[in-house]
Every structure is written in C-alpha cells, then in structure tokens.
Protein backbone atom coordinates (compact mmCIF):
# COMPACT_ATOMS: atom_id res chain seq x y z
CA MET A 1 76.32 131.81 79.84
CA GLN A 2 76.65 135.44 80.87
CA ILE A 3 77.59 134.36 84.40
CA ARG A 4 80.46 132.32 83.04
CA TYR A 5 81.88 135.26 81.17
CA LEU A 6 81.48 137.53 84.19
CA LEU A 7 83.30 135.02 86.35
CA GLY A 8 86.08 134.92 83.81
CA GLY A 9 86.32 138.69 83.98
CA ALA A 10 86.41 138.55 87.77
CA LEU A 11 89.34 136.13 87.67
CA LEU A 12 91.25 138.51 85.43
CA PHE A 13 90.82 141.23 88.01
CA VAL A 14 91.97 138.91 90.80
CA PHE A 15 95.16 138.02 88.93
CA ALA A 16 95.79 141.67 88.24
CA ALA A 17 95.39 142.51 91.94
CA CYS A 18 97.94 139.85 92.89
CA SER A 19 100.61 141.53 90.79
CA ASP A 20 102.56 144.67 91.54
CA GLU A 21 100.82 146.50 88.73
CA ARG A 22 97.94 148.84 89.33
CA GLU A 23 94.56 147.25 88.71
CA PRO A 24 93.29 148.45 85.32
CA THR A 25 90.09 150.48 85.15
CA PRO A 26 87.68 149.22 82.51
CA ALA A 27 85.73 151.27 80.06
CA TYR A 28 82.08 150.33 79.62
CA LEU A 29 80.30 149.62 76.37
CA ARG A 30 76.53 149.83 76.51
CA VAL A 31 75.06 147.76 73.68
CA GLU A 32 71.51 148.75 72.80
CA PRO A 33 69.01 146.42 71.07
CA PHE A 34 69.67 145.86 67.38
CA ALA A 35 68.09 147.91 64.63
CA VAL A 36 67.05 145.57 61.81
CA GLU A 37 67.02 146.66 58.17
CA ALA A 38 64.25 144.38 56.92
CA LEU A 39 60.48 144.43 56.56
CA GLY A 40 58.98 145.00 60.01
CA GLY A 41 62.28 146.16 61.49
CA ALA A 42 63.29 145.15 65.00
CA GLU A 43 59.65 144.97 66.08
CA TRP A 44 59.18 141.87 63.91
CA GLN A 45 62.29 140.19 65.33
CA ASN A 46 63.33 138.80 68.69
CA ILE A 47 67.08 139.37 68.84
CA THR A 48 67.78 138.81 72.51
CA GLU A 49 71.59 138.67 72.80
CA ALA A 50 74.70 140.43 71.59
CA TRP A 51 77.96 138.53 71.08
CA VAL A 52 80.67 141.12 71.49
CA TYR A 53 84.27 141.38 70.25
CA VAL A 54 86.52 144.38 70.89
CA ASN A 55 89.86 144.53 69.07
CA ASN A 56 89.33 140.87 68.08
CA VAL A 57 88.97 139.80 71.74
CA PHE A 58 85.77 137.89 72.51
CA LEU A 59 84.09 139.44 75.56
CA GLY A 60 81.06 137.18 75.76
CA GLY A 61 77.38 136.86 74.96
CA TYR A 62 75.10 139.31 76.79
CA PRO A 63 71.32 139.73 77.06
CA LEU A 64 70.22 143.00 75.48
CA PRO A 65 70.53 145.78 76.46
CA ALA A 66 73.99 145.01 77.85
CA LEU A 67 76.69 146.82 79.79
CA VAL A 68 80.03 145.27 78.82
CA PRO A 69 83.29 146.03 80.74
CA VAL A 70 86.20 146.45 78.34
CA LEU A 71 89.92 146.62 79.20
CA ALA A 72 90.73 148.81 76.23
CA GLU A 73 90.80 152.52 75.48
CA ASP A 74 90.88 155.04 72.65
CA THR A 75 89.69 153.96 69.19
CA CYS A 76 88.63 150.32 69.19
CA GLN A 77 87.31 147.93 66.57
CA VAL A 78 83.96 146.46 67.63
CA LEU A 79 82.08 143.45 66.24
CA VAL A 80 78.59 142.64 67.53
CA PHE A 81 76.79 139.51 66.37
CA PRO A 82 72.99 139.21 66.80
CA GLY A 83 71.87 136.31 68.96
CA VAL A 84 68.54 134.47 69.18
CA LYS A 85 67.02 131.57 71.09
CA GLU A 86 67.49 128.70 68.63
CA ASN A 87 64.34 126.57 68.47
CA GLY A 88 62.89 128.68 71.28
CA GLN A 89 65.28 127.28 73.89
CA ARG A 90 65.87 129.99 76.48
CA LEU A 91 68.96 128.33 77.94
CA THR A 92 70.74 127.93 74.60
CA PRO A 93 71.12 131.34 72.94
CA SER A 94 73.29 131.31 69.84
CA VAL A 95 74.64 133.61 67.19
CA TYR A 96 72.02 133.90 64.46
CA PRO A 97 73.87 132.83 61.31
CA MET A 98 71.35 134.34 58.89
CA MET A 99 71.99 137.97 59.82
CA GLN A 100 75.02 140.20 59.43
CA ARG A 101 77.25 141.23 62.28
CA HIS A 102 77.60 144.89 63.18
CA GLU A 103 81.10 146.19 62.56
CA GLY A 104 82.56 149.58 63.39
CA LYS A 105 84.89 151.70 65.47
CA ILE A 106 84.20 153.44 68.77
CA VAL A 107 86.21 155.50 71.22
CA LEU A 108 86.36 154.06 74.74
CA THR A 109 87.49 155.88 77.86
CA ALA A 110 88.35 154.25 81.18
CA ALA A 111 85.56 154.48 83.80
CA GLN A 112 83.19 155.98 81.23
CA THR A 113 80.25 154.45 79.35
CA THR A 114 79.95 154.60 75.57
CA SER A 115 76.69 153.57 73.91
CA LEU A 116 76.40 151.60 70.68
CA LYS A 117 73.25 150.94 68.64
CA PRO A 118 74.16 147.97 66.39
CA THR A 119 72.41 147.37 63.09
CA THR A 120 71.89 144.16 61.17
CA ARG A 121 70.18 142.78 58.08
CA TYR A 122 69.81 139.43 56.38
CA LEU A 123 72.97 138.19 54.68
CA SER A 124 73.06 139.02 51.00
CA GLU A 125 73.93 135.44 50.02
CA LEU A 126 70.76 133.98 51.57
CA ARG A 127 68.11 132.39 49.40
CA PHE A 128 64.41 132.89 50.19
CA PRO A 129 62.18 130.29 48.46
CA TRP A 130 59.27 132.63 49.25
CA SER A 131 59.72 136.37 49.30
CA ILE A 132 59.39 138.00 52.71
CA GLU A 133 56.33 139.86 51.43
CA ARG A 134 54.53 136.62 50.46
CA GLY A 135 55.13 135.26 53.95
CA THR A 136 53.07 138.09 55.49
CA PHE A 137 49.88 136.72 53.84
CA ASP A 138 48.91 140.25 52.88
CA ALA A 139 49.74 140.22 49.14
CA GLY A 140 50.91 137.50 46.78
CA VAL A 141 50.48 135.01 49.61
CA ILE A 142 52.07 131.61 50.05
CA VAL A 143 49.55 129.05 48.78
CA LEU A 144 48.18 126.78 51.52
CA GLN A 145 46.41 123.45 51.17
CA ASP A 146 43.93 121.70 53.48
CA ARG A 147 45.35 118.20 53.94
CA ASP A 148 42.96 116.42 56.35
CA ASP A 149 40.03 115.71 53.96
CA ASN A 150 37.55 117.11 56.46
CA PRO A 151 35.32 119.84 54.97
CA ASN A 152 34.60 121.16 58.48
CA THR A 153 38.22 122.18 59.08
CA GLY A 154 40.73 124.22 57.14
CA PHE A 155 42.26 127.66 57.33
CA GLU A 156 41.30 131.30 56.90
CA LEU A 157 43.17 134.51 56.23
CA VAL A 158 41.87 136.85 58.91
CA THR A 159 42.39 140.39 60.17
CA GLU A 160 40.76 139.66 63.52
CA ASP A 161 43.49 139.30 66.15
CA ALA A 162 46.09 139.21 63.35
CA PHE A 163 49.73 140.03 63.96
CA ALA A 164 49.74 142.67 61.21
CA GLY A 165 47.48 142.93 58.19
CA ARG A 166 46.28 139.35 57.74
CA SER A 167 47.30 136.14 59.51
CA VAL A 168 46.48 132.47 58.96
CA ARG A 169 43.94 130.99 61.36
CA MET A 170 43.33 127.27 61.96
CA ARG A 171 40.66 125.85 64.25
CA ALA A 172 39.61 122.45 65.58
CA ASP A 173 36.87 121.43 68.00
CA THR A 174 35.65 118.41 69.92
CA ALA A 175 33.79 117.06 66.88
CA ASN A 176 36.52 117.91 64.34
CA ARG A 177 39.71 117.23 66.21
CA LEU A 178 42.29 117.24 63.42
CA ASN A 179 43.22 120.13 61.18
CA ASP A 180 46.17 119.70 58.79
CA VAL A 181 47.44 122.48 56.54
CA ALA A 182 50.48 122.37 54.24
CA THR A 183 52.25 125.03 52.23
CA GLU A 184 52.93 124.89 48.52
CA PRO A 185 56.12 122.89 47.76
CA VAL A 186 59.51 124.51 47.36
CA GLU A 187 62.51 123.11 45.55
CA GLY A 188 66.21 123.47 46.23
CA LEU A 189 66.34 123.26 50.02
CA PRO A 190 69.68 121.87 51.25
CA THR A 191 69.57 118.25 52.39
CA THR A 192 72.95 118.12 54.16
CA SER A 193 74.29 119.88 57.24
CA ALA A 194 76.86 121.75 55.14
CA ARG A 195 74.27 124.45 54.36
CA GLN A 196 71.93 125.68 57.05
CA THR A 197 68.19 126.26 56.63
CA TRP A 198 66.13 128.31 59.08
CA LEU A 199 62.48 129.25 59.46
CA GLU A 200 61.18 132.33 61.24
CA LEU A 201 57.53 132.74 62.14
CA HIS A 202 55.14 134.48 64.49
CA ARG A 203 52.43 132.46 66.22
CA LYS A 204 49.64 132.80 68.77
CA ASN A 205 47.77 129.69 69.86
CA ASP A 206 45.52 128.70 72.76
CA VAL A 207 46.18 124.97 72.24
CA PRO A 208 49.32 123.09 71.20
CA PHE A 209 50.08 122.51 67.54
CA GLU A 210 52.90 120.91 65.57
CA LEU A 211 55.20 121.73 62.69
CA TRP A 212 56.35 118.93 60.37
CA LEU A 213 58.33 118.81 57.15
CA LEU A 214 57.02 116.91 54.13
CA ALA A 215 59.26 115.81 51.26
CA ASP A 216 58.84 114.11 47.90
CA ASP A 217 60.46 113.89 44.48
CA GLY A 218 57.59 115.40 42.52
CA PRO A 219 53.87 114.86 41.84
CA GLY A 220 52.77 111.27 42.29
CA THR A 221 55.87 110.16 44.22
CA THR A 222 56.03 108.90 47.79
CA GLU A 223 55.70 111.64 50.41
CA TYR A 224 57.94 111.44 53.49
CA SER A 225 57.51 113.35 56.75
CA THR A 226 59.45 114.25 59.87
CA SER A 227 58.47 116.11 63.03
CA VAL A 228 60.11 119.48 63.66
CA PHE A 229 58.55 121.27 66.64
CA LEU A 230 55.69 121.25 69.15
CA PHE A 231 54.36 124.73 69.97
CA ASN A 232 52.98 125.21 73.46
CA PRO A 233 50.05 127.60 73.97
CA THR A 234 50.68 131.33 74.24
CA ASP A 235 48.12 134.12 74.62
CA THR A 236 50.41 136.69 72.99
CA TRP A 237 52.15 136.79 69.61
CA ARG A 238 55.63 135.28 69.79
CA LYS A 239 58.50 135.08 67.35
CA ILE A 240 60.52 131.89 66.99
CA TYR A 241 63.64 130.92 65.04
CA LEU A 242 63.70 127.26 64.00
CA ASN A 243 66.82 125.57 62.66
CA LEU A 244 65.54 123.13 60.01
CA THR A 245 68.98 121.84 59.02
CA GLU A 246 68.83 118.58 60.96
CA PRO A 247 65.19 117.69 60.09
CA LEU A 248 65.97 118.23 56.41
CA THR A 249 68.93 115.86 56.59
CA ARG A 250 66.66 113.20 58.16
CA LEU A 251 64.44 113.30 55.09
CA GLY A 252 67.32 112.52 52.76
CA GLU A 253 67.88 113.88 49.27
CA ARG A 254 64.37 114.87 48.21
CA LYS A 255 63.45 117.26 45.45
CA ARG A 256 60.56 119.15 47.07
CA HIS A 257 59.61 120.17 50.60
CA ARG A 258 56.56 121.61 52.34
CA LEU A 259 55.86 123.03 55.77
CA PHE A 260 53.06 121.07 57.41
CA PHE A 261 51.03 122.47 60.34
CA ARG A 262 49.00 120.01 62.42
CA LEU A 263 46.42 121.08 64.97
CA ALA A 264 45.28 118.01 66.89
CA HIS A 265 42.66 118.98 69.48
CA ARG A 266 43.11 116.45 72.27
CA PRO A 267 41.52 115.93 75.71
CA ASN A 268 43.59 116.23 78.87
CA ASN A 269 44.67 113.36 81.12
CA THR A 270 41.17 113.12 82.61
CA GLY A 271 39.57 112.79 79.20
CA GLN A 272 38.11 116.30 79.27
CA PHE A 273 38.54 119.05 76.69
CA GLU A 274 39.75 122.25 78.32
CA LYS A 275 38.48 124.24 75.34
CA ALA A 276 35.55 123.54 73.06
CA VAL A 277 37.44 125.14 70.16
CA GLY A 278 41.21 125.36 69.76
CA THR A 279 42.65 128.20 67.69
CA VAL A 280 46.05 128.66 66.06
CA LEU A 281 47.26 131.82 64.33
CA PHE A 282 50.54 132.13 62.46
CA ASP A 283 52.16 134.79 60.30
CA ASN A 284 55.39 136.06 58.72
CA LEU A 285 56.84 132.79 57.43
CA ARG A 286 60.46 133.45 56.48
CA LEU A 287 62.15 130.37 55.08
CA MET A 288 65.80 130.88 54.19
CA HIS A 289 68.95 128.93 53.45
CA PHE A 290 72.49 129.26 52.15
C-alpha cells in the first residue's frame, strides 16, 4: 500500500519536471507512533499505521514511524488516523474505526523535517458491554464458564507468565484434548453491518486455539454458534483487533451473545502430539460497538 502511494508521488514529480515550472521542494512530516489515552496506553495497543491528510489532501497510509513528503508550507491542517491490522492480516492494514483521529495544525518548511506525535483515544460514542477494567481479569472480572463438561479441564486466573496482573490460562493434554470456555452473555450487540463491533485482546499460546461467537434469545432457548478466528501459536504476547461485524450478522437477530474459546489439542499429520500439554493465555478483552 505504501509503495503505491510513493509511486503516485513519484509520478507527480515527473509531471512537474516535464513542465517549465521549477520542481517543487517538499517539506517532510515525521509521524511518530501514537500516544493512546486509555488504560495501558500505547504499550497495550498495536497501532501500526498512520493515515495522513494535510490540508484535506490524502497523502497515504504509512507504517509507523513514518517520514511523509508534503508539497505544502507554512501553517497546515493535519489529520492522522490510527491504523491497525484488521483480523491480524498484515497485508490489509485499515483505519481503526473505534479510535479518534488526531487533528491539529503544524508549520511546515520546504526541505525541512517537522515531527508530530499524534494522540488518540476511544470514540466517546462507543459502547463497552464490559468495562475495560473488567477485561483485565484483575478486578471485577468478566465471568467465565467451563463448557466442555470435563472436570479435568477448565481455566485459571494466573499471574505466572501473565500479560499484566492476572491473565486467563487454558490447558489441554493428550488425555483431555478439548477445553471450551465461554464468557458471560452480553445483550445489545448489533446484528447488522450498519453498526460495527470489534474485539481487542492479547494472547500467548503454544498451540492453536479458536474463537467462536455463541448466540441465543435467553435462558433455555436454542444456542447458535459461528466461527470467528483461528489463532496460530506465538511464544510472545500479541495484540489483535478482530472485526466481529460480519460474524454477528451471520447469527441473525439474537438477544444475547458470548465469546467462546476452544482449545482442541490435536495430533499432527503423522498422528503424533508435538506437545504433551497445550497452553493458551489471553487477557485484556475489550468488546466494543457503536
């Protein structure tokens, strides 16, 4: 994506060189990583791109930190939108619709570099079914439920190897291969694409695990499910931004929804288990919608 914008800029310079006018000298805007005004700050986020406008002209999406050439001088209006990897896809960065853009004025000078440290926060109109603090599993935690009917599996709130404070740990082994855990239900999630719903979380896992959505119309009613995401193993804590809008629409107009984590410990293609015990850790669940 960045290459495309750079090529576009190169063509502008070529056209300028073909004219009788003197080739303009750009100013340079150095965009630093975002500061985030929310619990955990930027360290608990993974804002990887900046989408930059100067004087209402779109200059492109750039990996952070970025050096952006600008054909403008003096006092300029700057808009910078935070960008993330939607659903963890590295090749499809997008503007993160749940956070505010940075807006301000800067003074640019040809051939000189001006630095900008953008700030962002969650949009004020967002709704959080669970408070951000509950999603940390440190106080007033989101209630979890063991859903596989196996007394030898379940979940723990642990400090060992936790992201910060306490994290949720799930395990499965060769004798107890399935571990299913669901959150308490929430009501009021949008069920059409007109209003977006996103989930942020941190995770660290040495085996794959899955995220599903469950939906029903209240206690005792039929429960429906749909697959959302398969997490590949990672030996470090990673942040991911999941767009739940489309999975929610697949479930139809249901009253209640739950997040459902499935750890299925499976052998490889040769029938062997690469690990005797598979471990999944997750933390900082931030469910939000318009």
